């Protein structure tokens, strides 16, 4: 076992017919302190935040710019805001599916 692993032992009693067998089973558990798992979750939070915020904010900023340029206020802003929300939702679904596949 590695340096960060701890073991847990427990007994199992198996009965088959008249024979009884007792086995000691060792189960290894990884010690997650200091292995970077905390940073993994922090990175995951950041990834979800950016996947939601960037498309929405980008849509609004681009929509405001286009509305000022073409004089179509608020059509482009609202359209691109809605598009940003849809893209954010799709990004969130993609991230959740990736998490489920890994675990």
N, C-alpha and C. Protein backbone atom coordinates (compact mmCIF):
# COMPACT_ATOMS: atom_id res chain seq x y z
N UNK A 1 0.83 -1.18 0.00
CA UNK A 1 0.00 0.00 0.00
C UNK A 1 0.87 1.24 0.00
N UNK A 2 0.37 2.31 -0.58
CA UNK A 2 1.13 3.54 -0.72
C UNK A 2 1.19 4.32 0.59
N UNK A 3 1.85 5.43 0.51
CA UNK A 3 2.07 6.26 1.68
C UNK A 3 0.78 6.90 2.18
N UNK A 4 -0.14 7.23 1.28
CA UNK A 4 -1.37 7.92 1.67
C UNK A 4 -2.54 6.97 1.90
N UNK A 5 -2.30 5.68 1.93
CA UNK A 5 -3.39 4.74 2.10
C UNK A 5 -3.43 4.21 3.52
N UNK A 6 -4.62 4.05 4.03
CA UNK A 6 -4.84 3.43 5.33
C UNK A 6 -5.61 2.15 5.08
N UNK A 7 -5.49 1.20 5.98
CA UNK A 7 -6.23 -0.04 5.78
C UNK A 7 -7.22 -0.24 6.91
N UNK A 8 -8.27 -0.90 6.58
CA UNK A 8 -9.31 -1.22 7.54
C UNK A 8 -9.53 -2.72 7.45
N UNK A 9 -9.44 -3.40 8.59
CA UNK A 9 -9.62 -4.84 8.59
C UNK A 9 -10.94 -5.19 9.27
N UNK A 10 -11.59 -6.20 8.73
CA UNK A 10 -12.80 -6.69 9.36
C UNK A 10 -12.95 -8.16 9.00
N UNK A 11 -13.67 -8.88 9.86
CA UNK A 11 -13.83 -10.32 9.68
C UNK A 11 -15.14 -10.62 8.98
N UNK A 12 -15.09 -11.62 8.11
CA UNK A 12 -16.28 -12.11 7.43
C UNK A 12 -16.42 -13.59 7.77
N UNK A 13 -17.59 -14.00 8.15
CA UNK A 13 -17.85 -15.40 8.45
C UNK A 13 -18.68 -15.96 7.31
N UNK A 14 -18.12 -16.98 6.63
CA UNK A 14 -18.80 -17.62 5.51
C UNK A 14 -19.30 -18.99 5.96
N UNK A 15 -20.54 -19.27 5.70
CA UNK A 15 -21.10 -20.57 6.07
C UNK A 15 -21.61 -21.25 4.81
N UNK A 16 -21.11 -22.46 4.60
CA UNK A 16 -21.55 -23.25 3.45
C UNK A 16 -21.73 -24.68 3.94
N UNK A 17 -22.97 -25.08 4.01
CA UNK A 17 -23.24 -26.41 4.56
C UNK A 17 -22.84 -26.44 6.02
N UNK A 18 -21.97 -27.39 6.37
CA UNK A 18 -21.53 -27.50 7.75
C UNK A 18 -20.21 -26.77 7.99
N UNK A 19 -19.53 -26.40 6.92
CA UNK A 19 -18.22 -25.76 7.08
C UNK A 19 -18.39 -24.26 7.30
N UNK A 20 -17.70 -23.76 8.26
CA UNK A 20 -17.70 -22.33 8.53
C UNK A 20 -16.28 -21.82 8.37
N UNK A 21 -16.11 -20.81 7.57
CA UNK A 21 -14.79 -20.25 7.31
C UNK A 21 -14.83 -18.79 7.74
N UNK A 22 -13.80 -18.40 8.45
CA UNK A 22 -13.69 -17.01 8.87
C UNK A 22 -12.49 -16.39 8.15
N UNK A 23 -12.73 -15.32 7.45
CA UNK A 23 -11.67 -14.65 6.71
C UNK A 23 -11.53 -13.23 7.21
N UNK A 24 -10.32 -12.77 7.20
CA UNK A 24 -10.05 -11.38 7.52
C UNK A 24 -9.82 -10.65 6.21
N UNK A 25 -10.61 -9.64 5.98
CA UNK A 25 -10.55 -8.90 4.74
C UNK A 25 -9.94 -7.55 5.03
N UNK A 26 -9.01 -7.15 4.20
CA UNK A 26 -8.38 -5.83 4.36
C UNK A 26 -8.87 -4.94 3.23
N UNK A 27 -9.40 -3.82 3.61
CA UNK A 27 -9.92 -2.87 2.64
C UNK A 27 -9.06 -1.61 2.73
N UNK A 28 -8.48 -1.24 1.62
CA UNK A 28 -7.62 -0.06 1.58
C UNK A 28 -8.45 1.17 1.31
N UNK A 29 -8.18 2.22 2.05
CA UNK A 29 -8.85 3.50 1.82
C UNK A 29 -7.76 4.54 1.58
N UNK A 30 -8.00 5.38 0.62
CA UNK A 30 -7.05 6.45 0.34
C UNK A 30 -7.30 7.60 1.28
N UNK A 31 -6.21 8.16 1.76
CA UNK A 31 -6.28 9.35 2.60
C UNK A 31 -6.33 10.55 1.66
N UNK A 32 -7.43 11.28 1.69
CA UNK A 32 -7.60 12.36 0.72
C UNK A 32 -6.99 13.67 1.17
N UNK A 33 -6.49 13.73 2.37
CA UNK A 33 -5.90 14.97 2.86
C UNK A 33 -4.56 15.19 2.18
N UNK A 34 -4.43 16.31 1.50
CA UNK A 34 -3.17 16.65 0.87
C UNK A 34 -2.91 15.98 -0.46
N UNK A 35 -3.89 15.34 -1.05
CA UNK A 35 -3.68 14.66 -2.32
C UNK A 35 -4.16 15.48 -3.51
N UNK A 36 -4.71 16.64 -3.28
CA UNK A 36 -5.16 17.48 -4.38
C UNK A 36 -6.64 17.35 -4.67
N UNK A 37 -7.38 16.53 -3.92
CA UNK A 37 -8.81 16.40 -4.20
C UNK A 37 -9.56 17.70 -3.91
N UNK A 38 -9.06 18.44 -2.91
CA UNK A 38 -9.69 19.73 -2.60
C UNK A 38 -9.54 20.69 -3.77
N UNK A 39 -8.37 20.68 -4.40
CA UNK A 39 -8.15 21.54 -5.55
C UNK A 39 -8.99 21.10 -6.74
N UNK A 40 -9.24 19.82 -6.85
CA UNK A 40 -10.08 19.31 -7.94
C UNK A 40 -11.49 19.89 -7.84
N UNK A 41 -12.03 19.90 -6.62
CA UNK A 41 -13.38 20.43 -6.42
C UNK A 41 -13.40 21.94 -6.62
N UNK A 42 -12.37 22.62 -6.21
CA UNK A 42 -12.28 24.05 -6.42
C UNK A 42 -12.23 24.37 -7.92
N UNK A 43 -11.46 23.58 -8.66
CA UNK A 43 -11.42 23.75 -10.11
C UNK A 43 -12.75 23.46 -10.77
N UNK A 44 -13.46 22.48 -10.25
CA UNK A 44 -14.78 22.14 -10.78
C UNK A 44 -15.76 23.28 -10.57
N UNK A 45 -15.71 23.91 -9.40
CA UNK A 45 -16.58 25.05 -9.13
C UNK A 45 -16.26 26.20 -10.09
N UNK A 46 -14.98 26.44 -10.31
CA UNK A 46 -14.59 27.49 -11.24
C UNK A 46 -15.02 27.20 -12.65
N UNK A 47 -14.91 25.93 -13.06
CA UNK A 47 -15.31 25.55 -14.41
C UNK A 47 -16.81 25.76 -14.62
N UNK A 48 -17.59 25.37 -13.64
CA UNK A 48 -19.04 25.55 -13.75
C UNK A 48 -19.39 27.05 -13.77
N UNK A 49 -18.72 27.83 -12.93
CA UNK A 49 -18.99 29.26 -12.90
C UNK A 49 -18.68 29.94 -14.22
N UNK A 50 -17.52 29.63 -14.79
CA UNK A 50 -17.17 30.23 -16.07
C UNK A 50 -18.07 29.72 -17.19
N UNK A 51 -18.45 28.45 -17.15
CA UNK A 51 -19.31 27.89 -18.20
C UNK A 51 -20.69 28.54 -18.19
N UNK A 52 -21.10 29.06 -17.06
CA UNK A 52 -22.39 29.74 -16.97
C UNK A 52 -22.26 31.23 -17.24
N UNK A 53 -21.27 31.87 -16.64
CA UNK A 53 -21.17 33.34 -16.68
C UNK A 53 -20.68 33.88 -18.02
N UNK A 54 -19.70 33.24 -18.63
CA UNK A 54 -19.09 33.78 -19.85
C UNK A 54 -20.09 33.88 -21.00
N UNK A 55 -20.86 32.83 -21.32
CA UNK A 55 -21.82 32.97 -22.44
C UNK A 55 -22.90 34.03 -22.18
N UNK A 56 -23.37 34.12 -20.94
CA UNK A 56 -24.42 35.09 -20.64
C UNK A 56 -23.86 36.51 -20.74
N UNK A 57 -22.73 36.76 -20.07
CA UNK A 57 -22.15 38.10 -20.10
C UNK A 57 -21.69 38.47 -21.50
N UNK A 58 -21.11 37.51 -22.22
CA UNK A 58 -20.68 37.77 -23.59
C UNK A 58 -21.85 38.12 -24.49
N UNK A 59 -22.96 37.43 -24.31
CA UNK A 59 -24.15 37.73 -25.10
C UNK A 59 -24.69 39.11 -24.83
N UNK A 60 -24.69 39.51 -23.56
CA UNK A 60 -25.19 40.84 -23.21
C UNK A 60 -24.28 41.92 -23.77
N UNK A 61 -22.97 41.79 -23.58
CA UNK A 61 -22.04 42.81 -24.07
C UNK A 61 -22.08 42.93 -25.59
N UNK A 62 -22.11 41.79 -26.27
CA UNK A 62 -22.19 41.82 -27.73
C UNK A 62 -23.52 42.40 -28.18
N UNK A 63 -24.61 42.05 -27.48
CA UNK A 63 -25.92 42.59 -27.82
C UNK A 63 -26.01 44.09 -27.65
N UNK A 64 -25.44 44.61 -26.57
CA UNK A 64 -25.43 46.07 -26.35
C UNK A 64 -24.64 46.76 -27.45
N UNK A 65 -23.48 46.19 -27.79
CA UNK A 65 -22.66 46.77 -28.85
C UNK A 65 -23.42 46.80 -30.18
N UNK A 66 -24.05 45.67 -30.52
CA UNK A 66 -24.79 45.60 -31.79
C UNK A 66 -26.01 46.54 -31.79
N UNK A 67 -26.68 46.64 -30.64
CA UNK A 67 -27.84 47.54 -30.55
C UNK A 67 -27.42 48.99 -30.75
N UNK A 68 -26.30 49.38 -30.17
CA UNK A 68 -25.81 50.76 -30.35
C UNK A 68 -25.40 51.01 -31.80
N UNK A 69 -24.79 50.01 -32.40
CA UNK A 69 -24.30 50.16 -33.78
C UNK A 69 -25.45 50.22 -34.78
N UNK A 70 -26.46 49.35 -34.59
CA UNK A 70 -27.55 49.26 -35.55
C UNK A 70 -28.80 50.04 -35.12
N UNK A 71 -28.86 50.51 -33.89
CA UNK A 71 -30.03 51.24 -33.40
C UNK A 71 -31.24 50.35 -33.21
N UNK A 72 -31.03 49.13 -32.76
CA UNK A 72 -32.13 48.16 -32.61
C UNK A 72 -32.44 47.85 -31.15
N UNK A 73 -32.11 48.76 -30.25
CA UNK A 73 -32.30 48.51 -28.83
C UNK A 73 -33.73 48.07 -28.55
N UNK A 74 -34.01 47.05 -27.81
CA UNK A 74 -33.22 46.05 -27.09
C UNK A 74 -33.21 44.70 -27.77
N UNK A 75 -33.49 44.64 -29.06
CA UNK A 75 -33.65 43.35 -29.74
C UNK A 75 -32.40 42.48 -29.69
N UNK A 76 -31.26 43.00 -30.08
CA UNK A 76 -30.03 42.20 -30.11
C UNK A 76 -29.61 41.81 -28.70
N UNK A 77 -29.76 42.72 -27.76
CA UNK A 77 -29.36 42.43 -26.38
C UNK A 77 -30.20 41.28 -25.81
N UNK A 78 -31.49 41.35 -25.98
CA UNK A 78 -32.35 40.28 -25.45
C UNK A 78 -32.14 38.96 -26.19
N UNK A 79 -31.97 39.03 -27.49
CA UNK A 79 -31.75 37.81 -28.28
C UNK A 79 -30.46 37.12 -27.87
N UNK A 80 -29.38 37.89 -27.74
CA UNK A 80 -28.10 37.29 -27.38
C UNK A 80 -28.05 36.90 -25.90
N UNK A 81 -28.80 37.59 -25.06
CA UNK A 81 -28.92 37.17 -23.67
C UNK A 81 -29.58 35.80 -23.60
N UNK A 82 -30.68 35.63 -24.33
CA UNK A 82 -31.37 34.34 -24.36
C UNK A 82 -30.46 33.26 -24.94
N UNK A 83 -29.74 33.57 -26.00
CA UNK A 83 -28.80 32.61 -26.58
C UNK A 83 -27.70 32.24 -25.56
N UNK A 84 -27.22 33.22 -24.79
CA UNK A 84 -26.22 32.95 -23.76
C UNK A 84 -26.75 32.03 -22.67
N UNK A 85 -28.01 32.19 -22.28
CA UNK A 85 -28.61 31.32 -21.28
C UNK A 85 -28.70 29.89 -21.81
N UNK A 86 -29.10 29.72 -23.06
CA UNK A 86 -29.19 28.39 -23.65
C UNK A 86 -27.81 27.73 -23.73
N UNK A 87 -26.81 28.48 -24.18
CA UNK A 87 -25.45 27.93 -24.26
C UNK A 87 -24.94 27.58 -22.87
N UNK A 88 -25.23 28.40 -21.87
CA UNK A 88 -24.81 28.11 -20.50
C UNK A 88 -25.45 26.82 -19.99
N UNK A 89 -26.72 26.65 -20.28
CA UNK A 89 -27.40 25.42 -19.86
C UNK A 89 -26.77 24.20 -20.53
N UNK A 90 -26.48 24.30 -21.82
CA UNK A 90 -25.85 23.18 -22.52
C UNK A 90 -24.46 22.89 -21.97
N UNK A 91 -23.70 23.94 -21.63
CA UNK A 91 -22.40 23.74 -21.01
C UNK A 91 -22.52 23.04 -19.66
N UNK A 92 -23.51 23.42 -18.87
CA UNK A 92 -23.72 22.80 -17.57
C UNK A 92 -24.06 21.32 -17.72
N UNK A 93 -24.91 20.99 -18.67
CA UNK A 93 -25.26 19.59 -18.92
C UNK A 93 -24.02 18.80 -19.34
N UNK A 94 -23.18 19.38 -20.19
CA UNK A 94 -21.96 18.71 -20.64
C UNK A 94 -21.00 18.46 -19.48
N UNK A 95 -20.87 19.42 -18.59
CA UNK A 95 -19.98 19.25 -17.44
C UNK A 95 -20.52 18.19 -16.49
N UNK A 96 -21.82 18.19 -16.25
CA UNK A 96 -22.41 17.18 -15.36
C UNK A 96 -22.24 15.79 -15.95
N UNK A 97 -22.42 15.63 -17.25
CA UNK A 97 -22.22 14.33 -17.87
C UNK A 97 -20.78 13.87 -17.76
N UNK A 98 -19.82 14.78 -17.88
CA UNK A 98 -18.40 14.43 -17.74
C UNK A 98 -18.11 14.00 -16.30
N UNK A 99 -18.72 14.65 -15.33
CA UNK A 99 -18.51 14.28 -13.92
C UNK A 99 -19.07 12.90 -13.67
N UNK A 100 -20.24 12.63 -14.18
CA UNK A 100 -20.87 11.31 -13.96
C UNK A 100 -20.04 10.21 -14.59
N UNK A 101 -19.48 10.44 -15.77
CA UNK A 101 -18.64 9.43 -16.44
C UNK A 101 -17.36 9.14 -15.66
N UNK A 102 -16.78 10.16 -15.02
CA UNK A 102 -15.53 9.99 -14.29
C UNK A 102 -15.72 9.24 -12.98
N UNK A 103 -16.86 9.39 -12.34
CA UNK A 103 -17.04 8.79 -11.02
C UNK A 103 -17.85 7.54 -11.07
